[in-house]
Amino acid sequence: MAQTFTFELVSPEKVLLAGEAEQVQLPGAEGDMTILPGHSPLISTLRPGVIDVMLGGARSRIYVRQAFAQVEPDRLTVLAEKAQDVAELTGAVIAEEVAAAEAELAQAKTDEQRLVANQAIAALSSLRG
C-alpha cells in the first residue's frame, strides 16, 4: 500500500475535499510543486490554477484562486477563497470567470494585481481548450 498524507481543501464555507492523498500537485506562486508523504514543512501562496489530487487512486482536479497551502510531513491544508471542481466548469462558467479576471486586470493598480489577474486568465484559458 502506498504511503499517504492527510489532505484538506477548505473554503470559507466548508471543507471541499478531504482524504488520504498519495500526491498533490500545486500551482505555487514561485512555480508548480508536487507534495508527497514526508514533504518538508512549508507555507506558500498559490497562483490561480489547478490543483491535481490523487486520493485512493482517483484523480481530482480543482481550480483555485486566492489560496495558500500549509504543508507538514503528514498533512497538506489548502485554504482557498475560491475553488471549483474542473469537471463542473462549463464553457459559460469559464467565460464568466475570464471576464471577471479581465475586469480585475483593467482595474489593477499594482504589478501584483496585474500578475494575479493575468495568471487567472492564463489558467482559465488553458481549461477552455
N, C-alpha and C. Protein backbone atom coordinates (compact mmCIF):
# COMPACT_ATOMS: atom_id res chain seq x y z
N MET A 1 0.84 -1.19 0.00
CA MET A 1 0.00 0.00 0.00
C MET A 1 0.89 1.25 0.00
N ALA A 2 0.55 2.20 -0.83
CA ALA A 2 1.33 3.42 -0.96
C ALA A 2 1.18 4.29 0.28
N GLN A 3 2.23 5.03 0.59
CA GLN A 3 2.17 5.96 1.70
C GLN A 3 1.23 7.10 1.33
N THR A 4 0.55 7.64 2.34
CA THR A 4 -0.38 8.74 2.12
C THR A 4 -0.17 9.81 3.18
N PHE A 5 -0.84 10.92 2.98
CA PHE A 5 -0.88 12.00 3.96
C PHE A 5 -2.28 12.60 3.92
N THR A 6 -2.64 13.28 4.99
CA THR A 6 -3.97 13.89 5.08
C THR A 6 -4.01 15.15 4.22
N PHE A 7 -5.03 15.24 3.39
CA PHE A 7 -5.23 16.40 2.52
C PHE A 7 -6.59 17.02 2.81
N GLU A 8 -6.61 18.34 2.93
CA GLU A 8 -7.87 19.07 3.08
C GLU A 8 -7.84 20.31 2.21
N LEU A 9 -8.90 20.51 1.45
CA LEU A 9 -9.11 21.73 0.68
C LEU A 9 -10.30 22.42 1.32
N VAL A 10 -10.07 23.61 1.86
CA VAL A 10 -11.08 24.30 2.65
C VAL A 10 -11.38 25.66 2.04
N SER A 11 -12.67 25.98 1.95
CA SER A 11 -13.11 27.32 1.53
C SER A 11 -13.72 27.99 2.76
N PRO A 12 -14.07 29.26 2.67
CA PRO A 12 -14.70 29.92 3.83
C PRO A 12 -16.01 29.24 4.27
N GLU A 13 -16.68 28.58 3.34
CA GLU A 13 -17.98 27.97 3.67
C GLU A 13 -17.88 26.55 4.21
N LYS A 14 -16.92 25.76 3.68
CA LYS A 14 -16.91 24.34 4.05
C LYS A 14 -15.61 23.66 3.60
N VAL A 15 -15.46 22.41 4.02
CA VAL A 15 -14.38 21.56 3.53
C VAL A 15 -14.83 21.03 2.17
N LEU A 16 -14.08 21.33 1.13
CA LEU A 16 -14.46 20.95 -0.23
C LEU A 16 -13.99 19.55 -0.61
N LEU A 17 -12.83 19.17 -0.11
CA LEU A 17 -12.27 17.87 -0.44
C LEU A 17 -11.33 17.47 0.69
N ALA A 18 -11.44 16.24 1.14
CA ALA A 18 -10.58 15.76 2.22
C ALA A 18 -10.37 14.27 2.06
N GLY A 19 -9.22 13.80 2.48
CA GLY A 19 -8.94 12.38 2.43
C GLY A 19 -7.46 12.11 2.54
N GLU A 20 -7.11 10.87 2.35
CA GLU A 20 -5.72 10.44 2.38
C GLU A 20 -5.17 10.46 0.95
N ALA A 21 -4.24 11.37 0.69
CA ALA A 21 -3.71 11.57 -0.65
C ALA A 21 -2.36 10.90 -0.82
N GLU A 22 -2.14 10.39 -2.05
CA GLU A 22 -0.83 9.85 -2.40
C GLU A 22 0.11 10.97 -2.85
N GLN A 23 -0.44 11.94 -3.58
CA GLN A 23 0.33 13.10 -4.02
C GLN A 23 -0.62 14.21 -4.42
N VAL A 24 -0.12 15.44 -4.35
CA VAL A 24 -0.90 16.61 -4.74
C VAL A 24 0.04 17.55 -5.49
N GLN A 25 -0.39 17.99 -6.67
CA GLN A 25 0.37 19.00 -7.42
C GLN A 25 -0.30 20.34 -7.21
N LEU A 26 0.51 21.33 -6.83
CA LEU A 26 0.01 22.66 -6.51
C LEU A 26 0.59 23.71 -7.45
N PRO A 27 -0.22 24.72 -7.81
CA PRO A 27 0.31 25.85 -8.59
C PRO A 27 0.90 26.90 -7.65
N GLY A 28 2.09 26.66 -7.15
CA GLY A 28 2.72 27.58 -6.20
C GLY A 28 3.02 28.92 -6.84
N ALA A 29 3.09 29.94 -6.03
CA ALA A 29 3.38 31.28 -6.52
C ALA A 29 4.75 31.34 -7.19
N GLU A 30 5.69 30.53 -6.71
CA GLU A 30 7.05 30.50 -7.26
C GLU A 30 7.22 29.42 -8.33
N GLY A 31 6.19 28.63 -8.57
CA GLY A 31 6.26 27.55 -9.54
C GLY A 31 5.49 26.35 -9.05
N ASP A 32 5.23 25.41 -9.95
CA ASP A 32 4.49 24.21 -9.58
C ASP A 32 5.29 23.37 -8.60
N MET A 33 4.59 22.69 -7.72
CA MET A 33 5.25 21.79 -6.78
C MET A 33 4.39 20.56 -6.54
N THR A 34 5.04 19.44 -6.32
CA THR A 34 4.36 18.19 -6.02
C THR A 34 4.64 17.85 -4.57
N ILE A 35 3.56 17.60 -3.83
CA ILE A 35 3.67 17.25 -2.42
C ILE A 35 3.48 15.75 -2.29
N LEU A 36 4.42 15.10 -1.62
CA LEU A 36 4.39 13.66 -1.36
C LEU A 36 4.47 13.44 0.15
N PRO A 37 4.14 12.24 0.63
CA PRO A 37 4.26 11.97 2.06
C PRO A 37 5.68 12.28 2.55
N GLY A 38 5.78 12.89 3.73
CA GLY A 38 7.08 13.22 4.30
C GLY A 38 7.69 14.51 3.79
N HIS A 39 6.93 15.31 3.03
CA HIS A 39 7.45 16.57 2.49
C HIS A 39 7.88 17.50 3.63
N SER A 40 8.88 18.29 3.38
CA SER A 40 9.33 19.27 4.36
C SER A 40 8.24 20.31 4.61
N PRO A 41 8.15 20.83 5.82
CA PRO A 41 7.15 21.85 6.13
C PRO A 41 7.38 23.11 5.30
N LEU A 42 6.30 23.71 4.86
CA LEU A 42 6.35 25.00 4.17
C LEU A 42 4.97 25.62 4.12
N ILE A 43 4.95 26.90 3.91
CA ILE A 43 3.72 27.65 3.66
C ILE A 43 3.96 28.43 2.38
N SER A 44 2.99 28.37 1.46
CA SER A 44 3.15 29.04 0.17
C SER A 44 1.83 29.61 -0.30
N THR A 45 1.89 30.78 -0.91
CA THR A 45 0.70 31.26 -1.61
C THR A 45 0.61 30.48 -2.91
N LEU A 46 -0.60 30.36 -3.42
CA LEU A 46 -0.82 29.67 -4.68
C LEU A 46 -1.29 30.68 -5.71
N ARG A 47 -0.80 30.52 -6.93
CA ARG A 47 -1.29 31.37 -8.01
C ARG A 47 -2.59 30.75 -8.53
N PRO A 48 -3.40 31.50 -9.25
CA PRO A 48 -4.61 30.89 -9.82
C PRO A 48 -4.20 29.72 -10.72
N GLY A 49 -4.84 28.59 -10.52
CA GLY A 49 -4.51 27.42 -11.31
C GLY A 49 -5.22 26.18 -10.80
N VAL A 50 -4.77 25.03 -11.27
CA VAL A 50 -5.42 23.76 -10.97
C VAL A 50 -4.58 22.95 -10.00
N ILE A 51 -5.25 22.45 -8.96
CA ILE A 51 -4.65 21.50 -8.03
C ILE A 51 -5.02 20.11 -8.52
N ASP A 52 -4.03 19.24 -8.67
CA ASP A 52 -4.27 17.83 -9.04
C ASP A 52 -4.04 16.99 -7.79
N VAL A 53 -5.07 16.24 -7.40
CA VAL A 53 -5.02 15.45 -6.18
C VAL A 53 -5.23 13.98 -6.52
N MET A 54 -4.37 13.11 -6.00
CA MET A 54 -4.56 11.67 -6.12
C MET A 54 -5.03 11.14 -4.77
N LEU A 55 -6.33 10.80 -4.70
CA LEU A 55 -6.95 10.26 -3.49
C LEU A 55 -7.44 8.86 -3.78
N GLY A 56 -6.88 7.88 -3.10
CA GLY A 56 -7.33 6.50 -3.29
C GLY A 56 -7.25 6.02 -4.73
N GLY A 57 -6.24 6.48 -5.44
CA GLY A 57 -6.06 6.07 -6.84
C GLY A 57 -6.91 6.86 -7.82
N ALA A 58 -7.80 7.72 -7.34
CA ALA A 58 -8.63 8.55 -8.21
C ALA A 58 -8.06 9.97 -8.27
N ARG A 59 -8.15 10.58 -9.43
CA ARG A 59 -7.62 11.92 -9.64
C ARG A 59 -8.74 12.94 -9.55
N SER A 60 -8.52 13.99 -8.77
CA SER A 60 -9.45 15.13 -8.70
C SER A 60 -8.69 16.36 -9.14
N ARG A 61 -9.36 17.22 -9.91
CA ARG A 61 -8.75 18.47 -10.37
C ARG A 61 -9.63 19.61 -9.93
N ILE A 62 -9.04 20.59 -9.22
CA ILE A 62 -9.79 21.70 -8.68
C ILE A 62 -9.10 23.01 -9.07
N TYR A 63 -9.87 23.92 -9.65
CA TYR A 63 -9.36 25.25 -9.98
C TYR A 63 -9.45 26.09 -8.71
N VAL A 64 -8.33 26.73 -8.33
CA VAL A 64 -8.33 27.59 -7.15
C VAL A 64 -7.85 28.98 -7.51
N ARG A 65 -8.33 29.91 -6.72
CA ARG A 65 -7.93 31.30 -6.86
C ARG A 65 -7.88 31.89 -5.47
N GLN A 66 -6.92 32.73 -5.21
CA GLN A 66 -6.72 33.33 -3.89
C GLN A 66 -6.61 32.24 -2.84
N ALA A 67 -5.51 31.51 -2.88
CA ALA A 67 -5.33 30.37 -1.99
C ALA A 67 -3.91 30.31 -1.46
N PHE A 68 -3.74 29.59 -0.36
CA PHE A 68 -2.41 29.27 0.10
C PHE A 68 -2.41 27.87 0.68
N ALA A 69 -1.22 27.29 0.77
CA ALA A 69 -1.06 25.92 1.22
C ALA A 69 -0.12 25.88 2.43
N GLN A 70 -0.49 25.02 3.38
CA GLN A 70 0.38 24.74 4.51
C GLN A 70 0.72 23.26 4.45
N VAL A 71 2.01 22.97 4.34
CA VAL A 71 2.49 21.60 4.20
C VAL A 71 3.21 21.18 5.47
N GLU A 72 2.88 20.00 5.93
CA GLU A 72 3.59 19.34 7.03
C GLU A 72 3.91 17.93 6.53
N PRO A 73 4.84 17.22 7.16
CA PRO A 73 5.21 15.90 6.65
C PRO A 73 4.04 14.92 6.48
N ASP A 74 3.01 15.07 7.31
CA ASP A 74 1.88 14.14 7.25
C ASP A 74 0.55 14.80 6.90
N ARG A 75 0.60 16.07 6.44
CA ARG A 75 -0.65 16.80 6.20
C ARG A 75 -0.42 17.95 5.22
N LEU A 76 -1.43 18.20 4.38
CA LEU A 76 -1.45 19.36 3.48
C LEU A 76 -2.82 19.99 3.60
N THR A 77 -2.83 21.25 3.94
CA THR A 77 -4.08 22.00 4.01
C THR A 77 -4.02 23.14 3.00
N VAL A 78 -5.01 23.23 2.14
CA VAL A 78 -5.13 24.33 1.18
C VAL A 78 -6.34 25.15 1.59
N LEU A 79 -6.13 26.43 1.83
CA LEU A 79 -7.21 27.35 2.14
C LEU A 79 -7.43 28.21 0.90
N ALA A 80 -8.63 28.12 0.35
CA ALA A 80 -8.91 28.81 -0.92
C ALA A 80 -10.14 29.70 -0.77
N GLU A 81 -9.98 30.93 -1.19
CA GLU A 81 -11.12 31.85 -1.22
C GLU A 81 -12.13 31.39 -2.27
N LYS A 82 -11.60 30.85 -3.38
CA LYS A 82 -12.44 30.38 -4.47
C LYS A 82 -11.90 29.06 -4.97
N ALA A 83 -12.76 28.04 -5.08
CA ALA A 83 -12.35 26.73 -5.58
C ALA A 83 -13.53 26.09 -6.30
N GLN A 84 -13.24 25.52 -7.47
CA GLN A 84 -14.28 24.85 -8.26
C GLN A 84 -13.72 23.59 -8.88
N ASP A 85 -14.50 22.53 -8.85
CA ASP A 85 -14.11 21.27 -9.49
C ASP A 85 -14.03 21.52 -10.99
N VAL A 86 -12.91 21.15 -11.60
CA VAL A 86 -12.71 21.39 -13.03
C VAL A 86 -13.79 20.69 -13.85
N ALA A 87 -14.25 19.52 -13.40
CA ALA A 87 -15.28 18.78 -14.13
C ALA A 87 -16.61 19.55 -14.20
N GLU A 88 -16.82 20.47 -13.27
CA GLU A 88 -18.06 21.25 -13.23
C GLU A 88 -17.94 22.60 -13.93
N LEU A 89 -16.76 22.92 -14.44
CA LEU A 89 -16.57 24.20 -15.12
C LEU A 89 -17.03 24.09 -16.57
N THR A 90 -18.18 24.62 -16.86
CA THR A 90 -18.70 24.63 -18.22
C THR A 90 -18.05 25.79 -18.98
N GLY A 91 -18.24 25.79 -20.29
CA GLY A 91 -17.72 26.88 -21.10
C GLY A 91 -18.25 28.23 -20.66
N ALA A 92 -19.52 28.28 -20.26
CA ALA A 92 -20.13 29.53 -19.82
C ALA A 92 -19.51 30.02 -18.51
N VAL A 93 -19.26 29.09 -17.60
CA VAL A 93 -18.66 29.46 -16.31
C VAL A 93 -17.24 29.97 -16.53
N ILE A 94 -16.49 29.28 -17.38
CA ILE A 94 -15.12 29.71 -17.67
C ILE A 94 -15.13 31.09 -18.32
N ALA A 95 -16.03 31.32 -19.26
CA ALA A 95 -16.12 32.63 -19.91
C ALA A 95 -16.44 33.72 -18.89
N GLU A 96 -17.32 33.42 -17.96
CA GLU A 96 -17.69 34.38 -16.91
C GLU A 96 -16.48 34.69 -16.01
N GLU A 97 -15.72 33.65 -15.65
CA GLU A 97 -14.55 33.83 -14.81
C GLU A 97 -13.45 34.62 -15.56
N VAL A 98 -13.28 34.33 -16.85
CA VAL A 98 -12.29 35.08 -17.65
C VAL A 98 -12.70 36.54 -17.73
N ALA A 99 -13.97 36.81 -17.94
CA ALA A 99 -14.46 38.20 -18.00
C ALA A 99 -14.20 38.92 -16.67
N ALA A 100 -14.43 38.24 -15.56
CA ALA A 100 -14.17 38.84 -14.24
C ALA A 100 -12.68 39.12 -14.06
N ALA A 101 -11.83 38.19 -14.48
CA ALA A 101 -10.38 38.40 -14.37
C ALA A 101 -9.92 39.54 -15.28
N GLU A 102 -10.50 39.64 -16.47
CA GLU A 102 -10.15 40.74 -17.38
C GLU A 102 -10.58 42.08 -16.79
N ALA A 103 -11.73 42.11 -16.11
CA ALA A 103 -12.18 43.34 -15.45
C ALA A 103 -11.22 43.71 -14.31
N GLU A 104 -10.76 42.71 -13.56
CA GLU A 104 -9.79 42.95 -12.49
C GLU A 104 -8.48 43.47 -13.07
N LEU A 105 -8.07 42.92 -14.21
CA LEU A 105 -6.85 43.37 -14.87
C LEU A 105 -6.98 44.84 -15.28
N ALA A 106 -8.12 45.20 -15.83
CA ALA A 106 -8.34 46.58 -16.28
C ALA A 106 -8.32 47.56 -15.10
N GLN A 107 -8.73 47.10 -13.92
CA GLN A 107 -8.78 47.97 -12.74
C GLN A 107 -7.55 47.86 -11.85
N ALA A 108 -6.63 46.99 -12.20
CA ALA A 108 -5.45 46.74 -11.36
C ALA A 108 -4.60 48.00 -11.24
N LYS A 109 -4.16 48.25 -10.00
CA LYS A 109 -3.35 49.42 -9.75
C LYS A 109 -1.89 49.06 -9.43
N THR A 110 -1.64 47.79 -9.14
CA THR A 110 -0.28 47.37 -8.80
C THR A 110 0.17 46.24 -9.73
N ASP A 111 1.47 46.05 -9.79
CA ASP A 111 2.02 44.96 -10.59
C ASP A 111 1.52 43.61 -10.08
N GLU A 112 1.41 43.46 -8.77
CA GLU A 112 0.94 42.20 -8.19
C GLU A 112 -0.50 41.90 -8.62
N GLN A 113 -1.36 42.91 -8.60
CA GLN A 113 -2.75 42.72 -9.03
C GLN A 113 -2.81 42.34 -10.51
N ARG A 114 -1.97 42.98 -11.33
CA ARG A 114 -1.93 42.65 -12.76
C ARG A 114 -1.43 41.22 -12.96
N LEU A 115 -0.41 40.82 -12.20
CA LEU A 115 0.14 39.48 -12.31
C LEU A 115 -0.91 38.42 -11.97
N VAL A 116 -1.62 38.60 -10.87
CA VAL A 116 -2.63 37.62 -10.44
C VAL A 116 -3.77 37.55 -11.46
N ALA A 117 -4.21 38.68 -11.98
CA ALA A 117 -5.28 38.69 -12.98
C ALA A 117 -4.82 37.97 -14.26
N ASN A 118 -3.60 38.24 -14.70
CA ASN A 118 -3.06 37.56 -15.89
C ASN A 118 -2.91 36.06 -15.66
N GLN A 119 -2.49 35.66 -14.47
CA GLN A 119 -2.37 34.23 -14.15
C GLN A 119 -3.74 33.55 -14.19
N ALA A 120 -4.76 34.23 -13.66
CA ALA A 120 -6.11 33.67 -13.69
C ALA A 120 -6.60 33.51 -15.13
N ILE A 121 -6.36 34.52 -15.96
CA ILE A 121 -6.77 34.45 -17.37
C ILE A 121 -6.06 33.29 -18.07
N ALA A 122 -4.76 33.14 -17.83
CA ALA A 122 -4.00 32.06 -18.46
C ALA A 122 -4.49 30.69 -18.00
N ALA A 123 -4.72 30.52 -16.69
CA ALA A 123 -5.17 29.23 -16.16
C ALA A 123 -6.55 28.88 -16.71
N LEU A 124 -7.44 29.85 -16.73
CA LEU A 124 -8.79 29.60 -17.23
C LEU A 124 -8.79 29.32 -18.74
N SER A 125 -7.94 30.04 -19.46
CA SER A 125 -7.85 29.81 -20.91
C SER A 125 -7.35 28.41 -21.22
N SER A 126 -6.43 27.89 -20.39
CA SER A 126 -5.94 26.53 -20.61
C SER A 126 -7.04 25.50 -20.33
N LEU A 127 -7.95 25.81 -19.43
CA LEU A 127 -9.06 24.91 -19.14
C LEU A 127 -10.09 24.93 -20.27
N ARG A 128 -10.17 26.02 -20.96
CA ARG A 128 -11.12 26.19 -22.06
C ARG A 128 -10.80 25.23 -23.20
N GLY A 129 -9.51 25.03 -23.44
CA GLY A 129 -9.07 24.20 -24.57
C GLY A 129 -9.00 22.80 -24.19
